[in-house]
């Protein structure tokens, strides 16, 4: 089983960065206001994912991206968008 890093766009004004083994379930929890941080937002959109083989790798990447500015995260997302 793989690990996923994901980024959510919340109400078009902030990014939430998280990790999970079950991406569909976790995104559903966010959308259904079952997550402490994101429950205050009305509009949540999955905008980016990366897949990893180990928990160590995904945690390292999560820490890296969480340290980035809004604009740097936006640039990563835009660069990897599939049109």
C-alpha atoms as a PDB file:
ATOM      1  CA  UNK A   1       0.000   0.000   0.000  1.00  0.00           C
ATOM      2  CA  UNK A   2       1.158   3.507  -0.764  1.00  0.00           C
ATOM      3  CA  UNK A   3       1.179   6.741   1.197  1.00  0.00           C
ATOM      4  CA  UNK A   4      -0.210   9.944  -0.270  1.00  0.00           C
ATOM      5  CA  UNK A   5       0.657  13.563   0.315  1.00  0.00           C
ATOM      6  CA  UNK A   6      -2.237  15.808  -0.621  1.00  0.00           C
ATOM      7  CA  UNK A   7      -3.000  19.515  -0.773  1.00  0.00           C
ATOM      8  CA  UNK A   8      -6.480  20.950  -0.391  1.00  0.00           C
ATOM      9  CA  UNK A   9      -7.525  24.444  -1.406  1.00  0.00           C
ATOM     10  CA  UNK A  10      -9.859  25.738   1.295  1.00  0.00           C
ATOM     11  CA  UNK A  11     -12.344  28.507   0.405  1.00  0.00           C
ATOM     12  CA  UNK A  12      -9.877  29.690  -2.276  1.00  0.00           C
ATOM     13  CA  UNK A  13      -7.677  31.322   0.347  1.00  0.00           C
ATOM     14  CA  UNK A  14      -5.515  28.748   2.094  1.00  0.00           C
ATOM     15  CA  UNK A  15      -3.873  25.388   1.499  1.00  0.00           C
ATOM     16  CA  UNK A  16      -4.072  22.389   3.789  1.00  0.00           C
ATOM     17  CA  UNK A  17      -1.259  19.845   3.444  1.00  0.00           C
ATOM     18  CA  UNK A  18      -1.782  16.326   4.769  1.00  0.00           C
ATOM     19  CA  UNK A  19      -0.798  12.683   4.414  1.00  0.00           C
ATOM     20  CA  UNK A  20      -2.852   9.498   4.348  1.00  0.00           C
ATOM     21  CA  UNK A  21      -2.917   5.884   3.229  1.00  0.00           C
ATOM     22  CA  UNK A  22      -6.517   6.175   1.968  1.00  0.00           C
ATOM     23  CA  UNK A  23      -6.823   9.321  -0.142  1.00  0.00           C
ATOM     24  CA  UNK A  24     -10.496   8.982  -1.066  1.00  0.00           C
ATOM     25  CA  UNK A  25     -11.574   8.396   2.529  1.00  0.00           C
ATOM     26  CA  UNK A  26      -9.463  11.252   3.887  1.00  0.00           C
ATOM     27  CA  UNK A  27     -10.677  13.791   1.324  1.00  0.00           C
ATOM     28  CA  UNK A  28     -14.250  12.706   2.064  1.00  0.00           C
ATOM     29  CA  UNK A  29     -13.641  13.346   5.769  1.00  0.00           C
ATOM     30  CA  UNK A  30     -12.465  16.868   4.965  1.00  0.00           C
ATOM     31  CA  UNK A  31     -15.410  17.603   2.675  1.00  0.00           C
ATOM     32  CA  UNK A  32     -17.881  16.239   5.253  1.00  0.00           C
ATOM     33  CA  UNK A  33     -16.414  18.462   7.988  1.00  0.00           C
ATOM     34  CA  UNK A  34     -14.997  15.529   9.966  1.00  0.00           C
ATOM     35  CA  UNK A  35     -11.528  17.063  10.170  1.00  0.00           C
ATOM     36  CA  UNK A  36     -10.701  19.513  12.953  1.00  0.00           C
ATOM     37  CA  UNK A  37      -8.833  22.063  10.854  1.00  0.00           C
ATOM     38  CA  UNK A  38     -10.868  22.035   7.651  1.00  0.00           C
ATOM     39  CA  UNK A  39     -14.375  21.804   9.160  1.00  0.00           C
ATOM     40  CA  UNK A  40     -14.579  25.604   9.264  1.00  0.00           C
ATOM     41  CA  UNK A  41     -14.372  25.858   5.469  1.00  0.00           C
ATOM     42  CA  UNK A  42     -17.351  25.574   3.121  1.00  0.00           C
ATOM     43  CA  UNK A  43     -15.449  24.924  -0.094  1.00  0.00           C
ATOM     44  CA  UNK A  44     -12.666  22.322  -0.103  1.00  0.00           C
ATOM     45  CA  UNK A  45     -10.993  21.119  -3.283  1.00  0.00           C
ATOM     46  CA  UNK A  46      -8.278  18.495  -3.737  1.00  0.00           C
ATOM     47  CA  UNK A  47      -5.688  20.267  -5.905  1.00  0.00           C
ATOM     48  CA  UNK A  48      -2.504  18.172  -5.635  1.00  0.00           C
ATOM     49  CA  UNK A  49      -1.262  14.685  -4.748  1.00  0.00           C
ATOM     50  CA  UNK A  50       2.027  12.786  -4.621  1.00  0.00           C
ATOM     51  CA  UNK A  51       2.446   9.045  -3.991  1.00  0.00           C
ATOM     52  CA  UNK A  52       5.162   7.504  -1.781  1.00  0.00           C
ATOM     53  CA  UNK A  53       6.219   3.985  -0.867  1.00  0.00           C
ATOM     54  CA  UNK A  54       7.159   4.668   2.757  1.00  0.00           C
ATOM     55  CA  UNK A  55       5.829   6.710   5.659  1.00  0.00           C
ATOM     56  CA  UNK A  56       9.300   8.167   6.208  1.00  0.00           C
ATOM     57  CA  UNK A  57       9.376   9.623   2.693  1.00  0.00           C
ATOM     58  CA  UNK A  58       5.890  11.137   2.852  1.00  0.00           C
ATOM     59  CA  UNK A  59       6.438  12.687   6.297  1.00  0.00           C
ATOM     60  CA  UNK A  60       9.670  14.300   5.093  1.00  0.00           C
ATOM     61  CA  UNK A  61       7.904  15.762   2.036  1.00  0.00           C
ATOM     62  CA  UNK A  62       4.943  16.954   4.117  1.00  0.00           C
ATOM     63  CA  UNK A  63       7.250  18.861   6.468  1.00  0.00           C
ATOM     64  CA  UNK A  64       9.033  20.407   3.497  1.00  0.00           C
ATOM     65  CA  UNK A  65       5.859  21.633   1.799  1.00  0.00           C
ATOM     66  CA  UNK A  66       4.240  22.830   5.035  1.00  0.00           C
ATOM     67  CA  UNK A  67       7.220  25.159   5.441  1.00  0.00           C
ATOM     68  CA  UNK A  68       6.563  26.799   2.081  1.00  0.00           C
ATOM     69  CA  UNK A  69       4.723  30.046   1.468  1.00  0.00           C
ATOM     70  CA  UNK A  70       1.250  30.128  -0.079  1.00  0.00           C
ATOM     71  CA  UNK A  71       2.740  31.276  -3.394  1.00  0.00           C
ATOM     72  CA  UNK A  72       5.344  28.505  -3.494  1.00  0.00           C
ATOM     73  CA  UNK A  73       2.623  25.879  -2.881  1.00  0.00           C
ATOM     74  CA  UNK A  74       0.485  27.525  -5.575  1.00  0.00           C
ATOM     75  CA  UNK A  75       3.416  27.371  -8.004  1.00  0.00           C
ATOM     76  CA  UNK A  76       3.889  23.631  -7.331  1.00  0.00           C
ATOM     77  CA  UNK A  77       0.202  23.005  -7.941  1.00  0.00           C
ATOM     78  CA  UNK A  78       0.079  25.093 -11.109  1.00  0.00           C
ATOM     79  CA  UNK A  79       3.217  23.460 -12.494  1.00  0.00           C
ATOM     80  CA  UNK A  80       1.699  20.009 -12.066  1.00  0.00           C
ATOM     81  CA  UNK A  81      -1.838  20.716 -13.249  1.00  0.00           C
ATOM     82  CA  UNK A  82      -3.136  18.456 -15.959  1.00  0.00           C
ATOM     83  CA  UNK A  83      -5.063  20.479 -18.534  1.00  0.00           C
END
